[in-house]
Amino acid sequence: MSMKTLSSKTEKDIAEMAEEFGFSSKNEFISQAIKEKILELKKMKFFAISERIRKGLLKKGIKPKEFLKEFKS
């Protein structure tokens, strides 16, 4: 996979943050930052899907509490 070259400011920020927060290398910091960003985006995707489901249920006249009762029984 081809990666875009980072700006010198970004390189400097990465080096500073990696050292300040005790990462063993810039690569470890970058890897962790990417994992955290992917998790954040997955959460956003989950909440967007949940909101579409909520709106769909409401359009059909089903209230969230009624819907959840079905799972409890």
PDB file of N, CA and C in Angstrom:
ATOM      1  N   MET A   1       0.849  -1.174   0.000  1.00  0.00           N
ATOM      2  CA  MET A   1       0.000   0.000   0.000  1.00  0.00           C
ATOM      3  C   MET A   1       0.893   1.235   0.000  1.00  0.00           C
ATOM      4  N   SER A   2       0.554   2.184  -0.824  1.00  0.00           N
ATOM      5  CA  SER A   2       1.314   3.420  -0.921  1.00  0.00           C
ATOM      6  C   SER A   2       0.800   4.419   0.108  1.00  0.00           C
ATOM      7  N   MET A   3       1.710   5.076   0.799  1.00  0.00           N
ATOM      8  CA  MET A   3       1.340   6.075   1.792  1.00  0.00           C
ATOM      9  C   MET A   3       1.779   7.449   1.312  1.00  0.00           C
ATOM     10  N   LYS A   4       0.951   8.433   1.616  1.00  0.00           N
ATOM     11  CA  LYS A   4       1.278   9.809   1.285  1.00  0.00           C
ATOM     12  C   LYS A   4       2.362  10.312   2.234  1.00  0.00           C
ATOM     13  N   THR A   5       3.244  11.109   1.731  1.00  0.00           N
ATOM     14  CA  THR A   5       4.292  11.688   2.553  1.00  0.00           C
ATOM     15  C   THR A   5       3.679  12.718   3.498  1.00  0.00           C
ATOM     16  N   LEU A   6       4.122  12.695   4.738  1.00  0.00           N
ATOM     17  CA  LEU A   6       3.613  13.629   5.739  1.00  0.00           C
ATOM     18  C   LEU A   6       4.378  14.939   5.678  1.00  0.00           C
ATOM     19  N   SER A   7       3.696  16.017   6.050  1.00  0.00           N
ATOM     20  CA  SER A   7       4.366  17.317   6.087  1.00  0.00           C
ATOM     21  C   SER A   7       5.391  17.320   7.213  1.00  0.00           C
ATOM     22  N   SER A   8       6.330  18.230   7.138  1.00  0.00           N
ATOM     23  CA  SER A   8       7.362  18.305   8.175  1.00  0.00           C
ATOM     24  C   SER A   8       6.748  18.661   9.527  1.00  0.00           C
ATOM     25  N   LYS A   9       5.692  19.479   9.530  1.00  0.00           N
ATOM     26  CA  LYS A   9       5.011  19.829  10.784  1.00  0.00           C
ATOM     27  C   LYS A   9       4.362  18.593  11.392  1.00  0.00           C
ATOM     28  N   THR A  10       3.703  17.785  10.561  1.00  0.00           N
ATOM     29  CA  THR A  10       3.071  16.568  11.060  1.00  0.00           C
ATOM     30  C   THR A  10       4.122  15.597  11.583  1.00  0.00           C
ATOM     31  N   GLU A  11       5.221  15.464  10.870  1.00  0.00           N
ATOM     32  CA  GLU A  11       6.326  14.605  11.320  1.00  0.00           C
ATOM     33  C   GLU A  11       6.826  15.060  12.689  1.00  0.00           C
ATOM     34  N   LYS A  12       6.979  16.376  12.848  1.00  0.00           N
ATOM     35  CA  LYS A  12       7.459  16.940  14.110  1.00  0.00           C
ATOM     36  C   LYS A  12       6.444  16.663  15.222  1.00  0.00           C
ATOM     37  N   ASP A  13       5.155  16.872  14.936  1.00  0.00           N
ATOM     38  CA  ASP A  13       4.104  16.622  15.931  1.00  0.00           C
ATOM     39  C   ASP A  13       4.087  15.157  16.358  1.00  0.00           C
ATOM     40  N   ILE A  14       4.229  14.264  15.401  1.00  0.00           N
ATOM     41  CA  ILE A  14       4.254  12.831  15.690  1.00  0.00           C
ATOM     42  C   ILE A  14       5.422  12.499  16.615  1.00  0.00           C
ATOM     43  N   ALA A  15       6.586  13.009  16.272  1.00  0.00           N
ATOM     44  CA  ALA A  15       7.774  12.741  17.087  1.00  0.00           C
ATOM     45  C   ALA A  15       7.595  13.270  18.505  1.00  0.00           C
ATOM     46  N   GLU A  16       7.070  14.483  18.639  1.00  0.00           N
ATOM     47  CA  GLU A  16       6.861  15.085  19.964  1.00  0.00           C
ATOM     48  C   GLU A  16       5.851  14.289  20.785  1.00  0.00           C
ATOM     49  N   MET A  17       4.722  13.941  20.181  1.00  0.00           N
ATOM     50  CA  MET A  17       3.679  13.219  20.903  1.00  0.00           C
ATOM     51  C   MET A  17       4.129  11.804  21.265  1.00  0.00           C
ATOM     52  N   ALA A  18       4.823  11.159  20.354  1.00  0.00           N
ATOM     53  CA  ALA A  18       5.312   9.805  20.617  1.00  0.00           C
ATOM     54  C   ALA A  18       6.249   9.804  21.822  1.00  0.00           C
ATOM     55  N   GLU A  19       7.137  10.770  21.866  1.00  0.00           N
ATOM     56  CA  GLU A  19       8.078  10.854  22.986  1.00  0.00           C
ATOM     57  C   GLU A  19       7.360  11.251  24.274  1.00  0.00           C
ATOM     58  N   GLU A  20       6.515  12.274  24.196  1.00  0.00           N
ATOM     59  CA  GLU A  20       5.821  12.779  25.383  1.00  0.00           C
ATOM     60  C   GLU A  20       4.944  11.719  26.042  1.00  0.00           C
ATOM     61  N   PHE A  21       4.313  10.873  25.235  1.00  0.00           N
ATOM     62  CA  PHE A  21       3.391   9.885  25.784  1.00  0.00           C
ATOM     63  C   PHE A  21       4.013   8.494  25.908  1.00  0.00           C
ATOM     64  N   GLY A  22       5.320   8.407  25.756  1.00  0.00           N
ATOM     65  CA  GLY A  22       6.035   7.185  26.063  1.00  0.00           C
ATOM     66  C   GLY A  22       5.940   6.061  25.043  1.00  0.00           C
ATOM     67  N   PHE A  23       5.658   6.384  23.800  1.00  0.00           N
ATOM     68  CA  PHE A  23       5.648   5.350  22.761  1.00  0.00           C
ATOM     69  C   PHE A  23       7.095   4.969  22.445  1.00  0.00           C
ATOM     70  N   SER A  24       7.298   3.715  22.099  1.00  0.00           N
ATOM     71  CA  SER A  24       8.662   3.249  21.830  1.00  0.00           C
ATOM     72  C   SER A  24       9.186   3.737  20.481  1.00  0.00           C
ATOM     73  N   SER A  25       8.255   4.134  19.595  1.00  0.00           N
ATOM     74  CA  SER A  25       8.679   4.636  18.286  1.00  0.00           C
ATOM     75  C   SER A  25       7.564   5.470  17.658  1.00  0.00           C
ATOM     76  N   LYS A  26       7.937   6.200  16.629  1.00  0.00           N
ATOM     77  CA  LYS A  26       6.927   6.957  15.884  1.00  0.00           C
ATOM     78  C   LYS A  26       5.937   6.001  15.232  1.00  0.00           C
ATOM     79  N   ASN A  27       6.433   4.873  14.739  1.00  0.00           N
ATOM     80  CA  ASN A  27       5.544   3.896  14.098  1.00  0.00           C
ATOM     81  C   ASN A  27       4.504   3.343  15.077  1.00  0.00           C
ATOM     82  N   GLU A  28       4.931   3.090  16.318  1.00  0.00           N
ATOM     83  CA  GLU A  28       3.979   2.609  17.329  1.00  0.00           C
ATOM     84  C   GLU A  28       2.899   3.670  17.578  1.00  0.00           C
ATOM     85  N   PHE A  29       3.328   4.933  17.678  1.00  0.00           N
ATOM     86  CA  PHE A  29       2.368   6.020  17.881  1.00  0.00           C
ATOM     87  C   PHE A  29       1.393   6.106  16.711  1.00  0.00           C
ATOM     88  N   ILE A  30       1.908   6.065  15.492  1.00  0.00           N
ATOM     89  CA  ILE A  30       1.068   6.169  14.297  1.00  0.00           C
ATOM     90  C   ILE A  30       0.082   5.001  14.244  1.00  0.00           C
ATOM     91  N   SER A  31       0.558   3.800  14.530  1.00  0.00           N
ATOM     92  CA  SER A  31      -0.299   2.621  14.521  1.00  0.00           C
ATOM     93  C   SER A  31      -1.433   2.771  15.523  1.00  0.00           C
ATOM     94  N   GLN A  32      -1.109   3.210  16.739  1.00  0.00           N
ATOM     95  CA  GLN A  32      -2.131   3.396  17.773  1.00  0.00           C
ATOM     96  C   GLN A  32      -3.112   4.496  17.378  1.00  0.00           C
ATOM     97  N   ALA A  33      -2.616   5.586  16.822  1.00  0.00           N
ATOM     98  CA  ALA A  33      -3.480   6.696  16.404  1.00  0.00           C
ATOM     99  C   ALA A  33      -4.444   6.239  15.317  1.00  0.00           C
ATOM    100  N   ILE A  34      -3.969   5.445  14.395  1.00  0.00           N
ATOM    101  CA  ILE A  34      -4.825   4.944  13.313  1.00  0.00           C
ATOM    102  C   ILE A  34      -5.884   4.005  13.873  1.00  0.00           C
ATOM    103  N   LYS A  35      -5.480   3.105  14.782  1.00  0.00           N
ATOM    104  CA  LYS A  35      -6.452   2.197  15.403  1.00  0.00           C
ATOM    105  C   LYS A  35      -7.544   2.972  16.128  1.00  0.00           C
ATOM    106  N   GLU A  36      -7.151   4.007  16.873  1.00  0.00           N
ATOM    107  CA  GLU A  36      -8.127   4.818  17.606  1.00  0.00           C
ATOM    108  C   GLU A  36      -9.064   5.553  16.649  1.00  0.00           C
ATOM    109  N   LYS A  37      -8.536   6.064  15.553  1.00  0.00           N
ATOM    110  CA  LYS A  37      -9.358   6.775  14.574  1.00  0.00           C
ATOM    111  C   LYS A  37     -10.341   5.815  13.904  1.00  0.00           C
ATOM    112  N   ILE A  38      -9.874   4.623  13.565  1.00  0.00           N
ATOM    113  CA  ILE A  38     -10.762   3.632  12.951  1.00  0.00           C
ATOM    114  C   ILE A  38     -11.890   3.279  13.918  1.00  0.00           C
ATOM    115  N   LEU A  39     -11.565   3.082  15.200  1.00  0.00           N
ATOM    116  CA  LEU A  39     -12.590   2.789  16.201  1.00  0.00           C
ATOM    117  C   LEU A  39     -13.596   3.936  16.305  1.00  0.00           C
ATOM    118  N   GLU A  40     -13.102   5.155  16.315  1.00  0.00           N
ATOM    119  CA  GLU A  40     -13.975   6.335  16.368  1.00  0.00           C
ATOM    120  C   GLU A  40     -14.930   6.367  15.167  1.00  0.00           C
ATOM    121  N   LEU A  41     -14.414   6.089  13.988  1.00  0.00           N
ATOM    122  CA  LEU A  41     -15.247   6.089  12.785  1.00  0.00           C
ATOM    123  C   LEU A  41     -16.264   4.954  12.800  1.00  0.00           C
ATOM    124  N   LYS A  42     -15.865   3.798  13.324  1.00  0.00           N
ATOM    125  CA  LYS A  42     -16.805   2.680  13.443  1.00  0.00           C
ATOM    126  C   LYS A  42     -17.945   3.030  14.402  1.00  0.00           C
ATOM    127  N   LYS A  43     -17.616   3.718  15.486  1.00  0.00           N
ATOM    128  CA  LYS A  43     -18.643   4.161  16.431  1.00  0.00           C
ATOM    129  C   LYS A  43     -19.606   5.135  15.753  1.00  0.00           C
ATOM    130  N   MET A  44     -19.059   6.071  14.985  1.00  0.00           N
ATOM    131  CA  MET A  44     -19.903   7.033  14.265  1.00  0.00           C
ATOM    132  C   MET A  44     -20.834   6.304  13.303  1.00  0.00           C
ATOM    133  N   LYS A  45     -20.316   5.308  12.616  1.00  0.00           N
ATOM    134  CA  LYS A  45     -21.102   4.518  11.681  1.00  0.00           C
ATOM    135  C   LYS A  45     -22.209   3.778  12.425  1.00  0.00           C
ATOM    136  N   PHE A  46     -21.881   3.166  13.566  1.00  0.00           N
ATOM    137  CA  PHE A  46     -22.865   2.456  14.376  1.00  0.00           C
ATOM    138  C   PHE A  46     -23.998   3.389  14.802  1.00  0.00           C
ATOM    139  N   PHE A  47     -23.638   4.575  15.302  1.00  0.00           N
ATOM    140  CA  PHE A  47     -24.663   5.509  15.764  1.00  0.00           C
ATOM    141  C   PHE A  47     -25.519   6.034  14.605  1.00  0.00           C
ATOM    142  N   ALA A  48     -24.927   6.206  13.448  1.00  0.00           N
ATOM    143  CA  ALA A  48     -25.696   6.643  12.276  1.00  0.00           C
ATOM    144  C   ALA A  48     -26.706   5.564  11.872  1.00  0.00           C
ATOM    145  N   ILE A  49     -26.259   4.310  11.876  1.00  0.00           N
ATOM    146  CA  ILE A  49     -27.172   3.204  11.546  1.00  0.00           C
ATOM    147  C   ILE A  49     -28.263   3.104  12.604  1.00  0.00           C
ATOM    148  N   SER A  50     -27.900   3.231  13.867  1.00  0.00           N
ATOM    149  CA  SER A  50     -28.881   3.175  14.951  1.00  0.00           C
ATOM    150  C   SER A  50     -29.931   4.270  14.797  1.00  0.00           C
ATOM    151  N   GLU A  51     -29.489   5.441  14.413  1.00  0.00           N
ATOM    152  CA  GLU A  51     -30.420   6.561  14.226  1.00  0.00           C
ATOM    153  C   GLU A  51     -31.369   6.289  13.059  1.00  0.00           C
ATOM    154  N   ARG A  52     -30.867   5.708  11.977  1.00  0.00           N
ATOM    155  CA  ARG A  52     -31.743   5.358  10.842  1.00  0.00           C
ATOM    156  C   ARG A  52     -32.770   4.317  11.258  1.00  0.00           C
ATOM    157  N   ILE A  53     -32.347   3.358  12.070  1.00  0.00           N
ATOM    158  CA  ILE A  53     -33.288   2.341  12.563  1.00  0.00           C
ATOM    159  C   ILE A  53     -34.345   2.990  13.448  1.00  0.00           C
ATOM    160  N   ARG A  54     -33.912   3.879  14.346  1.00  0.00           N
ATOM    161  CA  ARG A  54     -34.854   4.574  15.235  1.00  0.00           C
ATOM    162  C   ARG A  54     -35.890   5.340  14.430  1.00  0.00           C
ATOM    163  N   LYS A  55     -35.439   6.073  13.425  1.00  0.00           N
ATOM    164  CA  LYS A  55     -36.366   6.849  12.593  1.00  0.00           C
ATOM    165  C   LYS A  55     -37.323   5.931  11.837  1.00  0.00           C
ATOM    166  N   GLY A  56     -36.811   4.794  11.351  1.00  0.00           N
ATOM    167  CA  GLY A  56     -37.656   3.833  10.649  1.00  0.00           C
ATOM    168  C   GLY A  56     -38.719   3.257  11.559  1.00  0.00           C
ATOM    169  N   LEU A  57     -38.357   2.961  12.788  1.00  0.00           N
ATOM    170  CA  LEU A  57     -39.334   2.441  13.751  1.00  0.00           C
ATOM    171  C   LEU A  57     -40.407   3.485  14.062  1.00  0.00           C
ATOM    172  N   LEU A  58     -39.956   4.724  14.242  1.00  0.00           N
ATOM    173  CA  LEU A  58     -40.915   5.789  14.540  1.00  0.00           C
ATOM    174  C   LEU A  58     -41.886   5.999  13.384  1.00  0.00           C
ATOM    175  N   LYS A  59     -41.395   5.902  12.151  1.00  0.00           N
ATOM    176  CA  LYS A  59     -42.275   6.041  10.982  1.00  0.00           C
ATOM    177  C   LYS A  59     -43.348   4.969  10.974  1.00  0.00           C
ATOM    178  N   LYS A  60     -42.999   3.796  11.494  1.00  0.00           N
ATOM    179  CA  LYS A  60     -43.960   2.698  11.547  1.00  0.00           C
ATOM    180  C   LYS A  60     -44.801   2.738  12.814  1.00  0.00           C
ATOM    181  N   GLY A  61     -44.614   3.778  13.620  1.00  0.00           N
ATOM    182  CA  GLY A  61     -45.403   3.943  14.836  1.00  0.00           C
ATOM    183  C   GLY A  61     -44.900   3.128  16.016  1.00  0.00           C
ATOM    184  N   ILE A  62     -43.703   2.636  15.926  1.00  0.00           N
ATOM    185  CA  ILE A  62     -43.139   1.837  17.017  1.00  0.00           C
ATOM    186  C   ILE A  62     -42.218   2.732  17.842  1.00  0.00           C
ATOM    187  N   LYS A  63     -42.523   2.832  19.121  1.00  0.00           N
ATOM    188  CA  LYS A  63     -41.699   3.643  20.010  1.00  0.00           C
ATOM    189  C   LYS A  63     -40.530   2.801  20.517  1.00  0.00           C
ATOM    190  N   PRO A  64     -39.392   3.442  20.765  1.00  0.00           N
ATOM    191  CA  PRO A  64     -38.205   2.686  21.198  1.00  0.00           C
ATOM    192  C   PRO A  64     -38.450   1.786  22.410  1.00  0.00           C
ATOM    193  N   LYS A  65     -39.181   2.277  23.411  1.00  0.00           N
ATOM    194  CA  LYS A  65     -39.434   1.463  24.599  1.00  0.00           C
ATOM    195  C   LYS A  65     -40.251   0.224  24.250  1.00  0.00           C
ATOM    196  N   GLU A  66     -41.212   0.377  23.339  1.00  0.00           N
ATOM    197  CA  GLU A  66     -42.021  -0.770  22.909  1.00  0.00           C
ATOM    198  C   GLU A  66     -41.135  -1.797  22.204  1.00  0.00           C
ATOM    199  N   PHE A  67     -40.256  -1.301  21.381  1.00  0.00           N
ATOM    200  CA  PHE A  67     -39.353  -2.168  20.635  1.00  0.00           C
ATOM    201  C   PHE A  67     -38.449  -2.950  21.587  1.00  0.00           C
ATOM    202  N   LEU A  68     -37.920  -2.275  22.603  1.00  0.00           N
ATOM    203  CA  LEU A  68     -37.022  -2.935  23.546  1.00  0.00           C
ATOM    204  C   LEU A  68     -37.748  -3.967  24.410  1.00  0.00           C
ATOM    205  N   LYS A  69     -39.027  -3.746  24.680  1.00  0.00           N
ATOM    206  CA  LYS A  69     -39.803  -4.709  25.459  1.00  0.00           C
ATOM    207  C   LYS A  69     -39.835  -6.061  24.758  1.00  0.00           C
ATOM    208  N   GLU A  70     -39.849  -6.059  23.435  1.00  0.00           N
ATOM    209  CA  GLU A  70     -39.871  -7.297  22.673  1.00  0.00           C
ATOM    210  C   GLU A  70     -38.626  -8.144  22.949  1.00  0.00           C
ATOM    211  N   PHE A  71     -37.509  -7.506  23.188  1.00  0.00           N
ATOM    212  CA  PHE A  71     -36.271  -8.232  23.456  1.00  0.00           C
ATOM    213  C   PHE A  71     -36.233  -8.784  24.874  1.00  0.00           C
ATOM    214  N   LYS A  72     -36.901  -8.112  25.796  1.00  0.00           N
ATOM    215  CA  LYS A  72     -36.894  -8.545  27.193  1.00  0.00           C
ATOM    216  C   LYS A  72     -37.773  -9.773  27.399  1.00  0.00           C
ATOM    217  N   SER A  73     -38.812  -9.915  26.604  1.00  0.00           N
ATOM    218  CA  SER A  73     -39.719 -11.045  26.823  1.00  0.00           C
ATOM    219  C   SER A  73     -39.336 -12.269  26.042  1.00  0.00           C
TER     220      SER A  73
END
